[in-house]
Amino acid sequence: MKAQALHGHLDALLLAVLEQGALHGYAIIEALRARSDGSLDLPTGTIYPALRRLERAGHVASTWSTVSGRERRTYQLTDSGRRALAGERAGWREFQLTVGRFLDPESPPTPS
């Protein structure tokens, strides 16, 4: 799946991954790949700018640490990020329900 297909949803996916706990950047990429069974194999050039944007918005906080002599930036969800994730999930459910009325053949038509 290409990054462009995720336009408007990447922030929510990153927040959802961080809901499980703090992770460094590469571990976030791996979590996206694992949870999507390999469908989301996004480059660092997509993930890191989004993480910086989420940090500027106050949804994510980061700290630097050294692991095996290598510096890593670890990201964690803030309270603001948890609220933003709840809003993203509500918006996703509404979007899915509305679009499903058109694209899901099992979805009953809405009365006029």
PDB file of N, CA and C in Angstrom:
ATOM      1  N   MET A   1       0.855  -1.180   0.000  1.00  0.00           N
ATOM      2  CA  MET A   1       0.000   0.000   0.000  1.00  0.00           C
ATOM      3  C   MET A   1       0.892   1.231   0.000  1.00  0.00           C
ATOM      4  N   LYS A   2       0.598   2.156  -0.849  1.00  0.00           N
ATOM      5  CA  LYS A   2       1.399   3.366  -0.968  1.00  0.00           C
ATOM      6  C   LYS A   2       0.998   4.395   0.087  1.00  0.00           C
ATOM      7  N   ALA A   3       1.969   5.218   0.463  1.00  0.00           N
ATOM      8  CA  ALA A   3       1.736   6.251   1.474  1.00  0.00           C
ATOM      9  C   ALA A   3       0.606   7.188   1.038  1.00  0.00           C
ATOM     10  N   GLN A   4       0.503   7.467  -0.261  1.00  0.00           N
ATOM     11  CA  GLN A   4      -0.529   8.381  -0.760  1.00  0.00           C
ATOM     12  C   GLN A   4      -1.934   7.849  -0.454  1.00  0.00           C
ATOM     13  N   ALA A   5      -2.100   6.528  -0.476  1.00  0.00           N
ATOM     14  CA  ALA A   5      -3.406   5.932  -0.190  1.00  0.00           C
ATOM     15  C   ALA A   5      -3.823   6.174   1.260  1.00  0.00           C
ATOM     16  N   LEU A   6      -2.859   6.452   2.108  1.00  0.00           N
ATOM     17  CA  LEU A   6      -3.135   6.674   3.535  1.00  0.00           C
ATOM     18  C   LEU A   6      -3.370   8.135   3.866  1.00  0.00           C
ATOM     19  N   HIS A   7      -3.364   8.982   2.857  1.00  0.00           N
ATOM     20  CA  HIS A   7      -3.510  10.416   3.092  1.00  0.00           C
ATOM     21  C   HIS A   7      -4.699  10.683   4.018  1.00  0.00           C
ATOM     22  N   GLY A   8      -4.434  11.378   5.097  1.00  0.00           N
ATOM     23  CA  GLY A   8      -5.485  11.695   6.056  1.00  0.00           C
ATOM     24  C   GLY A   8      -5.651  10.665   7.163  1.00  0.00           C
ATOM     25  N   HIS A   9      -4.976   9.511   7.025  1.00  0.00           N
ATOM     26  CA  HIS A   9      -5.132   8.456   8.031  1.00  0.00           C
ATOM     27  C   HIS A   9      -3.831   8.102   8.737  1.00  0.00           C
ATOM     28  N   LEU A  10      -2.711   8.573   8.229  1.00  0.00           N
ATOM     29  CA  LEU A  10      -1.419   8.190   8.792  1.00  0.00           C
ATOM     30  C   LEU A  10      -1.285   8.610  10.253  1.00  0.00           C
ATOM     31  N   ASP A  11      -1.702   9.817  10.594  1.00  0.00           N
ATOM     32  CA  ASP A  11      -1.591  10.270  11.979  1.00  0.00           C
ATOM     33  C   ASP A  11      -2.346   9.339  12.917  1.00  0.00           C
ATOM     34  N   ALA A  12      -3.544   8.950  12.521  1.00  0.00           N
ATOM     35  CA  ALA A  12      -4.346   8.050  13.360  1.00  0.00           C
ATOM     36  C   ALA A  12      -3.653   6.700  13.524  1.00  0.00           C
ATOM     37  N   LEU A  13      -3.052   6.197  12.460  1.00  0.00           N
ATOM     38  CA  LEU A  13      -2.354   4.914  12.549  1.00  0.00           C
ATOM     39  C   LEU A  13      -1.158   5.012  13.497  1.00  0.00           C
ATOM     40  N   LEU A  14      -0.420   6.103  13.407  1.00  0.00           N
ATOM     41  CA  LEU A  14       0.728   6.285  14.303  1.00  0.00           C
ATOM     42  C   LEU A  14       0.285   6.406  15.756  1.00  0.00           C
ATOM     43  N   LEU A  15      -0.769   7.154  15.997  1.00  0.00           N
ATOM     44  CA  LEU A  15      -1.284   7.280  17.361  1.00  0.00           C
ATOM     45  C   LEU A  15      -1.733   5.925  17.892  1.00  0.00           C
ATOM     46  N   ALA A  16      -2.383   5.133  17.053  1.00  0.00           N
ATOM     47  CA  ALA A  16      -2.864   3.810  17.474  1.00  0.00           C
ATOM     48  C   ALA A  16      -1.699   2.885  17.809  1.00  0.00           C
ATOM     49  N   VAL A  17      -0.633   2.944  17.025  1.00  0.00           N
ATOM     50  CA  VAL A  17       0.545   2.118  17.318  1.00  0.00           C
ATOM     51  C   VAL A  17       1.150   2.525  18.664  1.00  0.00           C
ATOM     52  N   LEU A  18       1.225   3.822  18.914  1.00  0.00           N
ATOM     53  CA  LEU A  18       1.829   4.305  20.163  1.00  0.00           C
ATOM     54  C   LEU A  18       0.924   4.117  21.373  1.00  0.00           C
ATOM     55  N   GLU A  19      -0.331   3.797  21.141  1.00  0.00           N
ATOM     56  CA  GLU A  19      -1.253   3.536  22.253  1.00  0.00           C
ATOM     57  C   GLU A  19      -0.769   2.347  23.094  1.00  0.00           C
ATOM     58  N   GLN A  20      -0.056   1.434  22.477  1.00  0.00           N
ATOM     59  CA  GLN A  20       0.435   0.239  23.168  1.00  0.00           C
ATOM     60  C   GLN A  20       1.645   0.528  24.053  1.00  0.00           C
ATOM     61  N   GLY A  21       2.293   1.674  23.823  1.00  0.00           N
ATOM     62  CA  GLY A  21       3.465   2.029  24.620  1.00  0.00           C
ATOM     63  C   GLY A  21       4.494   2.746  23.772  1.00  0.00           C
ATOM     64  N   ALA A  22       5.504   3.292  24.437  1.00  0.00           N
ATOM     65  CA  ALA A  22       6.548   4.064  23.763  1.00  0.00           C
ATOM     66  C   ALA A  22       7.370   3.169  22.839  1.00  0.00           C
ATOM     67  N   LEU A  23       7.720   3.717  21.674  1.00  0.00           N
ATOM     68  CA  LEU A  23       8.534   2.998  20.690  1.00  0.00           C
ATOM     69  C   LEU A  23       9.483   3.963  20.002  1.00  0.00           C
ATOM     70  N   HIS A  24      10.608   3.450  19.557  1.00  0.00           N
ATOM     71  CA  HIS A  24      11.499   4.277  18.741  1.00  0.00           C
ATOM     72  C   HIS A  24      11.022   4.191  17.290  1.00  0.00           C
ATOM     73  N   GLY A  25      11.529   5.096  16.479  1.00  0.00           N
ATOM     74  CA  GLY A  25      11.021   5.249  15.117  1.00  0.00           C
ATOM     75  C   GLY A  25      10.977   3.979  14.295  1.00  0.00           C
ATOM     76  N   TYR A  26      12.077   3.234  14.257  1.00  0.00           N
ATOM     77  CA  TYR A  26      12.088   2.020  13.443  1.00  0.00           C
ATOM     78  C   TYR A  26      11.100   0.986  13.984  1.00  0.00           C
ATOM     79  N   ALA A  27      10.941   0.915  15.301  1.00  0.00           N
ATOM     80  CA  ALA A  27       9.973  -0.023  15.887  1.00  0.00           C
ATOM     81  C   ALA A  27       8.545   0.356  15.497  1.00  0.00           C
ATOM     82  N   ILE A  28       8.287   1.650  15.322  1.00  0.00           N
ATOM     83  CA  ILE A  28       6.962   2.098  14.864  1.00  0.00           C
ATOM     84  C   ILE A  28       6.721   1.594  13.442  1.00  0.00           C
ATOM     85  N   ILE A  29       7.734   1.732  12.592  1.00  0.00           N
ATOM     86  CA  ILE A  29       7.620   1.249  11.211  1.00  0.00           C
ATOM     87  C   ILE A  29       7.373  -0.259  11.199  1.00  0.00           C
ATOM     88  N   GLU A  30       8.103  -0.980  12.038  1.00  0.00           N
ATOM     89  CA  GLU A  30       7.924  -2.430  12.136  1.00  0.00           C
ATOM     90  C   GLU A  30       6.531  -2.795  12.654  1.00  0.00           C
ATOM     91  N   ALA A  31       6.022  -2.043  13.624  1.00  0.00           N
ATOM     92  CA  ALA A  31       4.685  -2.315  14.166  1.00  0.00           C
ATOM     93  C   ALA A  31       3.616  -2.093  13.100  1.00  0.00           C
ATOM     94  N   LEU A  32       3.762  -1.038  12.310  1.00  0.00           N
ATOM     95  CA  LEU A  32       2.816  -0.797  11.217  1.00  0.00           C
ATOM     96  C   LEU A  32       2.853  -1.956  10.229  1.00  0.00           C
ATOM     97  N   ARG A  33       4.040  -2.400   9.893  1.00  0.00           N
ATOM     98  CA  ARG A  33       4.202  -3.510   8.948  1.00  0.00           C
ATOM     99  C   ARG A  33       3.583  -4.792   9.516  1.00  0.00           C
ATOM    100  N   ALA A  34       3.870  -5.075  10.779  1.00  0.00           N
ATOM    101  CA  ALA A  34       3.380  -6.316  11.399  1.00  0.00           C
ATOM    102  C   ALA A  34       1.853  -6.319  11.533  1.00  0.00           C
ATOM    103  N   ARG A  35       1.298  -5.216  12.032  1.00  0.00           N
ATOM    104  CA  ARG A  35      -0.159  -5.175  12.254  1.00  0.00           C
ATOM    105  C   ARG A  35      -0.954  -5.176  10.958  1.00  0.00           C
ATOM    106  N   SER A  36      -0.291  -4.805   9.844  1.00  0.00           N
ATOM    107  CA  SER A  36      -0.978  -4.780   8.556  1.00  0.00           C
ATOM    108  C   SER A  36      -0.620  -5.996   7.703  1.00  0.00           C
ATOM    109  N   ASP A  37       0.029  -6.990   8.309  1.00  0.00           N
ATOM    110  CA  ASP A  37       0.496  -8.175   7.570  1.00  0.00           C
ATOM    111  C   ASP A  37       1.328  -7.790   6.358  1.00  0.00           C
ATOM    112  N   GLY A  38       2.142  -6.745   6.511  1.00  0.00           N
ATOM    113  CA  GLY A  38       3.054  -6.334   5.460  1.00  0.00           C
ATOM    114  C   GLY A  38       2.501  -5.328   4.470  1.00  0.00           C
ATOM    115  N   SER A  39       1.228  -5.011   4.562  1.00  0.00           N
ATOM    116  CA  SER A  39       0.632  -4.066   3.612  1.00  0.00           C
ATOM    117  C   SER A  39       1.151  -2.648   3.800  1.00  0.00           C
ATOM    118  N   LEU A  40       1.458  -2.289   5.031  1.00  0.00           N
ATOM    119  CA  LEU A  40       1.970  -0.944   5.316  1.00  0.00           C
ATOM    120  C   LEU A  40       3.477  -1.025   5.523  1.00  0.00           C
ATOM    121  N   ASP A  41       4.209  -0.861   4.447  1.00  0.00           N
ATOM    122  CA  ASP A  41       5.660  -0.864   4.491  1.00  0.00           C
ATOM    123  C   ASP A  41       6.115   0.534   4.097  1.00  0.00           C
ATOM    124  N   LEU A  42       5.992   1.449   5.039  1.00  0.00           N
ATOM    125  CA  LEU A  42       6.193   2.865   4.749  1.00  0.00           C
ATOM    126  C   LEU A  42       7.633   3.297   4.993  1.00  0.00           C
ATOM    127  N   PRO A  43       8.141   4.169   4.146  1.00  0.00           N
ATOM    128  CA  PRO A  43       9.524   4.621   4.304  1.00  0.00           C
ATOM    129  C   PRO A  43       9.682   5.608   5.457  1.00  0.00           C
ATOM    130  N   THR A  44      10.906   5.730   5.924  1.00  0.00           N
ATOM    131  CA  THR A  44      11.195   6.660   7.012  1.00  0.00           C
ATOM    132  C   THR A  44      10.849   8.089   6.607  1.00  0.00           C
ATOM    133  N   GLY A  45      10.965   8.400   5.328  1.00  0.00           N
ATOM    134  CA  GLY A  45      10.642   9.737   4.841  1.00  0.00           C
ATOM    135  C   GLY A  45       9.171  10.076   4.942  1.00  0.00           C
ATOM    136  N   THR A  46       8.342   9.087   5.189  1.00  0.00           N
ATOM    137  CA  THR A  46       6.912   9.301   5.434  1.00  0.00           C
ATOM    138  C   THR A  46       6.636   9.347   6.928  1.00  0.00           C
ATOM    139  N   ILE A  47       7.247   8.440   7.667  1.00  0.00           N
ATOM    140  CA  ILE A  47       6.952   8.276   9.096  1.00  0.00           C
ATOM    141  C   ILE A  47       7.522   9.405   9.953  1.00  0.00           C
ATOM    142  N   TYR A  48       8.797   9.730   9.774  1.00  0.00           N
ATOM    143  CA  TYR A  48       9.424  10.710  10.659  1.00  0.00           C
ATOM    144  C   TYR A  48       8.825  12.112  10.551  1.00  0.00           C
ATOM    145  N   PRO A  49       8.519  12.608   9.357  1.00  0.00           N
ATOM    146  CA  PRO A  49       7.851  13.916   9.309  1.00  0.00           C
ATOM    147  C   PRO A  49       6.483  13.901   9.999  1.00  0.00           C
ATOM    148  N   ALA A  50       5.768  12.785   9.885  1.00  0.00           N
ATOM    149  CA  ALA A  50       4.462  12.684  10.550  1.00  0.00           C
ATOM    150  C   ALA A  50       4.635  12.671  12.066  1.00  0.00           C
ATOM    151  N   LEU A  51       5.646  11.977  12.557  1.00  0.00           N
ATOM    152  CA  LEU A  51       5.907  11.963  14.000  1.00  0.00           C
ATOM    153  C   LEU A  51       6.278  13.360  14.495  1.00  0.00           C
ATOM    154  N   ARG A  52       7.072  14.077  13.726  1.00  0.00           N
ATOM    155  CA  ARG A  52       7.419  15.455  14.121  1.00  0.00           C
ATOM    156  C   ARG A  52       6.173  16.342  14.144  1.00  0.00           C
ATOM    157  N   ARG A  53       5.303  16.159  13.161  1.00  0.00           N
ATOM    158  CA  ARG A  53       4.052  16.934  13.114  1.00  0.00           C
ATOM    159  C   ARG A  53       3.196  16.624  14.346  1.00  0.00           C
ATOM    160  N   LEU A  54       3.086  15.345  14.701  1.00  0.00           N
ATOM    161  CA  LEU A  54       2.310  14.953  15.881  1.00  0.00           C
ATOM    162  C   LEU A  54       2.939  15.497  17.162  1.00  0.00           C
ATOM    163  N   GLU A  55       4.268  15.563  17.189  1.00  0.00           N
ATOM    164  CA  GLU A  55       4.941  16.109  18.359  1.00  0.00           C
ATOM    165  C   GLU A  55       4.682  17.612  18.476  1.00  0.00           C
ATOM    166  N   ARG A  56       4.745  18.329  17.364  1.00  0.00           N
ATOM    167  CA  ARG A  56       4.461  19.777  17.387  1.00  0.00           C
ATOM    168  C   ARG A  56       3.022  20.040  17.829  1.00  0.00           C
ATOM    169  N   ALA A  57       2.108  19.144  17.484  1.00  0.00           N
ATOM    170  CA  ALA A  57       0.705  19.294  17.870  1.00  0.00           C
ATOM    171  C   ALA A  57       0.468  18.912  19.330  1.00  0.00           C
ATOM    172  N   GLY A  58       1.482  18.327  19.976  1.00  0.00           N
ATOM    173  CA  GLY A  58       1.342  17.929  21.381  1.00  0.00           C
ATOM    174  C   GLY A  58       0.726  16.561  21.572  1.00  0.00           C
ATOM    175  N   HIS A  59       0.556  15.799  20.491  1.00  0.00           N
ATOM    176  CA  HIS A  59      -0.059  14.466  20.588  1.00  0.00           C
ATOM    177  C   HIS A  59       0.955  13.374  20.926  1.00  0.00           C
ATOM    178  N   VAL A  60       2.228  13.688  20.683  1.00  0.00           N
ATOM    179  CA  VAL A  60       3.312  12.736  20.910  1.00  0.00           C
ATOM    180  C   VAL A  60       4.454  13.485  21.594  1.00  0.00           C
ATOM    181  N   ALA A  61       5.114  12.823  22.526  1.00  0.00           N
ATOM    182  CA  ALA A  61       6.312  13.372  23.156  1.00  0.00           C
ATOM    183  C   ALA A  61       7.473  12.436  22.826  1.00  0.00           C
ATOM    184  N   SER A  62       8.665  12.989  22.714  1.00  0.00           N
ATOM    185  CA  SER A  62       9.809  12.138  22.400  1.00  0.00           C
ATOM    186  C   SER A  62      10.950  12.401  23.368  1.00  0.00           C
ATOM    187  N   THR A  63      11.767  11.382  23.555  1.00  0.00           N
ATOM    188  CA  THR A  63      12.971  11.486  24.372  1.00  0.00           C
ATOM    189  C   THR A  63      14.088  10.752  23.642  1.00  0.00           C
ATOM    190  N   TRP A  64      15.321  11.204  23.880  1.00  0.00           N
ATOM    191  CA  TRP A  64      16.488  10.549  23.302  1.00  0.00           C
ATOM    192  C   TRP A  64      17.067   9.589  24.325  1.00  0.00           C
ATOM    193  N   SER A  65      17.527   8.449  23.839  1.00  0.00           N
ATOM    194  CA  SER A  65      18.209   7.491  24.704  1.00  0.00           C
ATOM    195  C   SER A  65      19.322   6.831  23.897  1.00  0.00           C
ATOM    196  N   THR A  66      20.247   6.215  24.616  1.00  0.00           N
ATOM    197  CA  THR A  66      21.335   5.496  23.954  1.00  0.00           C
ATOM    198  C   THR A  66      21.163   4.016  24.240  1.00  0.00           C
ATOM    199  N   VAL A  67      21.100   3.237  23.173  1.00  0.00           N
ATOM    200  CA  VAL A  67      20.957   1.791  23.286  1.00  0.00           C
ATOM    201  C   VAL A  67      22.088   1.155  22.486  1.00  0.00           C
ATOM    202  N   SER A  68      22.903   0.355  23.152  1.00  0.00           N
ATOM    203  CA  SER A  68      24.061  -0.292  22.517  1.00  0.00           C
ATOM    204  C   SER A  68      24.939   0.726  21.798  1.00  0.00           C
ATOM    205  N   GLY A  69      25.141   1.877  22.419  1.00  0.00           N
ATOM    206  CA  GLY A  69      25.989   2.913  21.855  1.00  0.00           C
ATOM    207  C   GLY A  69      25.360   3.701  20.720  1.00  0.00           C
ATOM    208  N   ARG A  70      24.092   3.479  20.480  1.00  0.00           N
ATOM    209  CA  ARG A  70      23.406   4.146  19.379  1.00  0.00           C
ATOM    210  C   ARG A  70      22.267   5.005  19.930  1.00  0.00           C
ATOM    211  N   GLU A  71      22.193   6.244  19.450  1.00  0.00           N
ATOM    212  CA  GLU A  71      21.129   7.143  19.914  1.00  0.00           C
ATOM    213  C   GLU A  71      19.816   6.815  19.210  1.00  0.00           C
ATOM    214  N   ARG A  72      18.762   6.791  20.006  1.00  0.00           N
ATOM    215  CA  ARG A  72      17.418   6.536  19.478  1.00  0.00           C
ATOM    216  C   ARG A  72      16.457   7.559  20.055  1.00  0.00           C
ATOM    217  N   ARG A  73      15.530   7.949  19.223  1.00  0.00           N
ATOM    218  CA  ARG A  73      14.473   8.832  19.692  1.00  0.00           C
ATOM    219  C   ARG A  73      13.244   7.953  19.920  1.00  0.00           C
ATOM    220  N   THR A  74      12.718   8.011  21.130  1.00  0.00           N
ATOM    221  CA  THR A  74      11.557   7.196  21.491  1.00  0.00           C
ATOM    222  C   THR A  74      10.337   8.105  21.593  1.00  0.00           C
ATOM    223  N   TYR A  75       9.249   7.650  21.031  1.00  0.00           N
ATOM    224  CA  TYR A  75       8.013   8.427  20.988  1.00  0.00           C
ATOM    225  C   TYR A  75       6.970   7.779  21.874  1.00  0.00           C
ATOM    226  N   GLN A  76       6.180   8.640  22.539  1.00  0.00           N
ATOM    227  CA  GLN A  76       5.077   8.112  23.345  1.00  0.00           C
ATOM    228  C   GLN A  76       3.864   9.019  23.199  1.00  0.00           C
ATOM    229  N   LEU A  77       2.715   8.426  23.376  1.00  0.00           N
ATOM    230  CA  LEU A  77       1.438   9.133  23.270  1.00  0.00           C
ATOM    231  C   LEU A  77       1.242  10.023  24.493  1.00  0.00           C
ATOM    232  N   THR A  78       0.742  11.227  24.290  1.00  0.00           N
ATOM    233  CA  THR A  78       0.415  12.135  25.392  1.00  0.00           C
ATOM    234  C   THR A  78      -1.094  12.033  25.658  1.00  0.00           C
ATOM    235  N   ASP A  79      -1.555  12.695  26.702  1.00  0.00           N
ATOM    236  CA  ASP A  79      -2.997  12.731  26.965  1.00  0.00           C
ATOM    237  C   ASP A  79      -3.739  13.368  25.797  1.00  0.00           C
ATOM    238  N   SER A  80      -3.160  14.410  25.238  1.00  0.00           N
ATOM    239  CA  SER A  80      -3.748  15.056  24.064  1.00  0.00           C
ATOM    240  C   SER A  80      -3.808  14.076  22.902  1.00  0.00           C
ATOM    241  N   GLY A  81      -2.784  13.255  22.763  1.00  0.00           N
ATOM    242  CA  GLY A  81      -2.756  12.244  21.706  1.00  0.00           C
ATOM    243  C   GLY A  81      -3.827  11.184  21.899  1.00  0.00           C
ATOM    244  N   ARG A  82      -4.081  10.818  23.150  1.00  0.00           N
ATOM    245  CA  ARG A  82      -5.144   9.838  23.428  1.00  0.00           C
ATOM    246  C   ARG A  82      -6.511  10.414  23.045  1.00  0.00           C
ATOM    247  N   ARG A  83      -6.713  11.690  23.359  1.00  0.00           N
ATOM    248  CA  ARG A  83      -7.979  12.328  22.971  1.00  0.00           C
ATOM    249  C   ARG A  83      -8.083  12.437  21.456  1.00  0.00           C
ATOM    250  N   ALA A  84      -6.984  12.781  20.804  1.00  0.00           N
ATOM    251  CA  ALA A  84      -6.983  12.871  19.344  1.00  0.00           C
ATOM    252  C   ALA A  84      -7.272  11.512  18.723  1.00  0.00           C
ATOM    253  N   LEU A  85      -6.707  10.455  19.288  1.00  0.00           N
ATOM    254  CA  LEU A  85      -6.955   9.104  18.781  1.00  0.00           C
ATOM    255  C   LEU A  85      -8.423   8.731  18.930  1.00  0.00           C
ATOM    256  N   ALA A  86      -9.025   9.072  20.053  1.00  0.00           N
ATOM    257  CA  ALA A  86     -10.458   8.795  20.254  1.00  0.00           C
ATOM    258  C   ALA A  86     -11.284   9.515  19.193  1.00  0.00           C
ATOM    259  N   GLY A  87     -10.932  10.756  18.893  1.00  0.00           N
ATOM    260  CA  GLY A  87     -11.631  11.505  17.856  1.00  0.00           C
ATOM    261  C   GLY A  87     -11.424  10.893  16.481  1.00  0.00           C
ATOM    262  N   GLU A  88     -10.203  10.445  16.200  1.00  0.00           N
ATOM    263  CA  GLU A  88      -9.912   9.793  14.918  1.00  0.00           C
ATOM    264  C   GLU A  88     -10.719   8.510  14.769  1.00  0.00           C
ATOM    265  N   ARG A  89     -10.836   7.755  15.854  1.00  0.00           N
ATOM    266  CA  ARG A  89     -11.603   6.504  15.791  1.00  0.00           C
ATOM    267  C   ARG A  89     -13.091   6.787  15.543  1.00  0.00           C
ATOM    268  N   ALA A  90     -13.623   7.803  16.190  1.00  0.00           N
ATOM    269  CA  ALA A  90     -15.036   8.168  15.971  1.00  0.00           C
ATOM    270  C   ALA A  90     -15.244   8.606  14.526  1.00  0.00           C
ATOM    271  N   GLY A  91     -14.328   9.414  14.010  1.00  0.00           N
ATOM    272  CA  GLY A  91     -14.424   9.858  12.627  1.00  0.00           C
ATOM    273  C   GLY A  91     -14.304   8.706  11.651  1.00  0.00           C
ATOM    274  N   TRP A  92     -13.429   7.750  11.955  1.00  0.00           N
ATOM    275  CA  TRP A  92     -13.261   6.577  11.100  1.00  0.00           C
ATOM    276  C   TRP A  92     -14.539   5.739  11.066  1.00  0.00           C
ATOM    277  N   ARG A  93     -15.159   5.539  12.224  1.00  0.00           N
ATOM    278  CA  ARG A  93     -16.401   4.752  12.265  1.00  0.00           C
ATOM    279  C   ARG A  93     -17.480   5.423  11.422  1.00  0.00           C
ATOM    280  N   GLU A  94     -17.598   6.737  11.526  1.00  0.00           N
ATOM    281  CA  GLU A  94     -18.592   7.470  10.743  1.00  0.00           C
ATOM    282  C   GLU A  94     -18.285   7.369   9.246  1.00  0.00           C
ATOM    283  N   PHE A  95     -17.024   7.537   8.885  1.00  0.00           N
ATOM    284  CA  PHE A  95     -16.602   7.435   7.487  1.00  0.00           C
ATOM    285  C   PHE A  95     -16.904   6.039   6.943  1.00  0.00           C
ATOM    286  N   GLN A  96     -16.526   5.022   7.694  1.00  0.00           N
ATOM    287  CA  GLN A  96     -16.724   3.640   7.286  1.00  0.00           C
ATOM    288  C   GLN A  96     -18.208   3.326   7.095  1.00  0.00           C
ATOM    289  N   LEU A  97     -19.036   3.807   7.999  1.00  0.00           N
ATOM    290  CA  LEU A  97     -20.479   3.581   7.907  1.00  0.00           C
ATOM    291  C   LEU A  97     -21.057   4.274   6.678  1.00  0.00           C
ATOM    292  N   THR A  98     -20.668   5.518   6.466  1.00  0.00           N
ATOM    293  CA  THR A  98     -21.203   6.278   5.345  1.00  0.00           C
ATOM    294  C   THR A  98     -20.757   5.701   4.010  1.00  0.00           C
ATOM    295  N   VAL A  99     -19.475   5.466   3.844  1.00  0.00           N
ATOM    296  CA  VAL A  99     -18.965   4.939   2.576  1.00  0.00           C
ATOM    297  C   VAL A  99     -19.452   3.507   2.361  1.00  0.00           C
ATOM    298  N   GLY A 100     -19.579   2.761   3.449  1.00  0.00           N
ATOM    299  CA  GLY A 100     -20.083   1.391   3.356  1.00  0.00           C
ATOM    300  C   GLY A 100     -21.479   1.313   2.764  1.00  0.00           C
ATOM    301  N   ARG A 101     -22.263   2.356   2.962  1.00  0.00           N
ATOM    302  CA  ARG A 101     -23.612   2.377   2.378  1.00  0.00           C
ATOM    303  C   ARG A 101     -23.568   2.321   0.857  1.00  0.00           C
ATOM    304  N   PHE A 102     -22.448   2.738   0.282  1.00  0.00           N
ATOM    305  CA  PHE A 102     -22.295   2.735  -1.164  1.00  0.00           C
ATOM    306  C   PHE A 102     -21.483   1.545  -1.663  1.00  0.00           C
ATOM    307  N   LEU A 103     -20.436   1.178  -0.933  1.00  0.00           N
ATOM    308  CA  LEU A 103     -19.499   0.188  -1.435  1.00  0.00           C
ATOM    309  C   LEU A 103     -19.712  -1.220  -0.910  1.00  0.00           C
ATOM    310  N   ASP A 104     -20.407  -1.384   0.185  1.00  0.00           N
ATOM    311  CA  ASP A 104     -20.625  -2.697   0.765  1.00  0.00           C
ATOM    312  C   ASP A 104     -21.935  -3.274   0.228  1.00  0.00           C
ATOM    313  N   PRO A 105     -21.851  -4.333  -0.573  1.00  0.00           N
ATOM    314  CA  PRO A 105     -23.082  -4.899  -1.143  1.00  0.00           C
ATOM    315  C   PRO A 105     -24.033  -5.469  -0.092  1.00  0.00           C
ATOM    316  N   GLU A 106     -23.524  -5.751   1.101  1.00  0.00           N
ATOM    317  CA  GLU A 106     -24.356  -6.290   2.174  1.00  0.00           C
ATOM    318  C   GLU A 106     -25.066  -5.202   2.962  1.00  0.00           C
ATOM    319  N   SER A 107     -24.657  -3.963   2.754  1.00  0.00           N
ATOM    320  CA  SER A 107     -25.220  -2.856   3.504  1.00  0.00           C
ATOM    321  C   SER A 107     -26.615  -2.526   2.994  1.00  0.00           C
ATOM    322  N   PRO A 108     -27.596  -2.485   3.890  1.00  0.00           N
ATOM    323  CA  PRO A 108     -28.964  -2.149   3.449  1.00  0.00           C
ATOM    324  C   PRO A 108     -29.045  -0.681   3.024  1.00  0.00           C
ATOM    325  N   PRO A 109     -29.835  -0.398   2.006  1.00  0.00           N
ATOM    326  CA  PRO A 109     -29.992   1.010   1.600  1.00  0.00           C
ATOM    327  C   PRO A 109     -30.697   1.806   2.709  1.00  0.00           C
ATOM    328  N   THR A 110     -30.376   3.076   2.796  1.00  0.00           N
ATOM    329  CA  THR A 110     -31.025   3.920   3.793  1.00  0.00           C
ATOM    330  C   THR A 110     -32.379   4.358   3.238  1.00  0.00           C
ATOM    331  N   PRO A 111     -33.399   4.433   4.105  1.00  0.00           N
ATOM    332  CA  PRO A 111     -34.729   4.838   3.651  1.00  0.00           C
ATOM    333  C   PRO A 111     -34.731   6.303   3.179  1.00  0.00           C
ATOM    334  N   SER A 112     -35.553   6.578   2.192  1.00  0.00           N
ATOM    335  CA  SER A 112     -35.638   7.943   1.658  1.00  0.00           C
ATOM    336  C   SER A 112     -36.626   8.770   2.444  1.00  0.00           C
TER     337      SER A 112
END
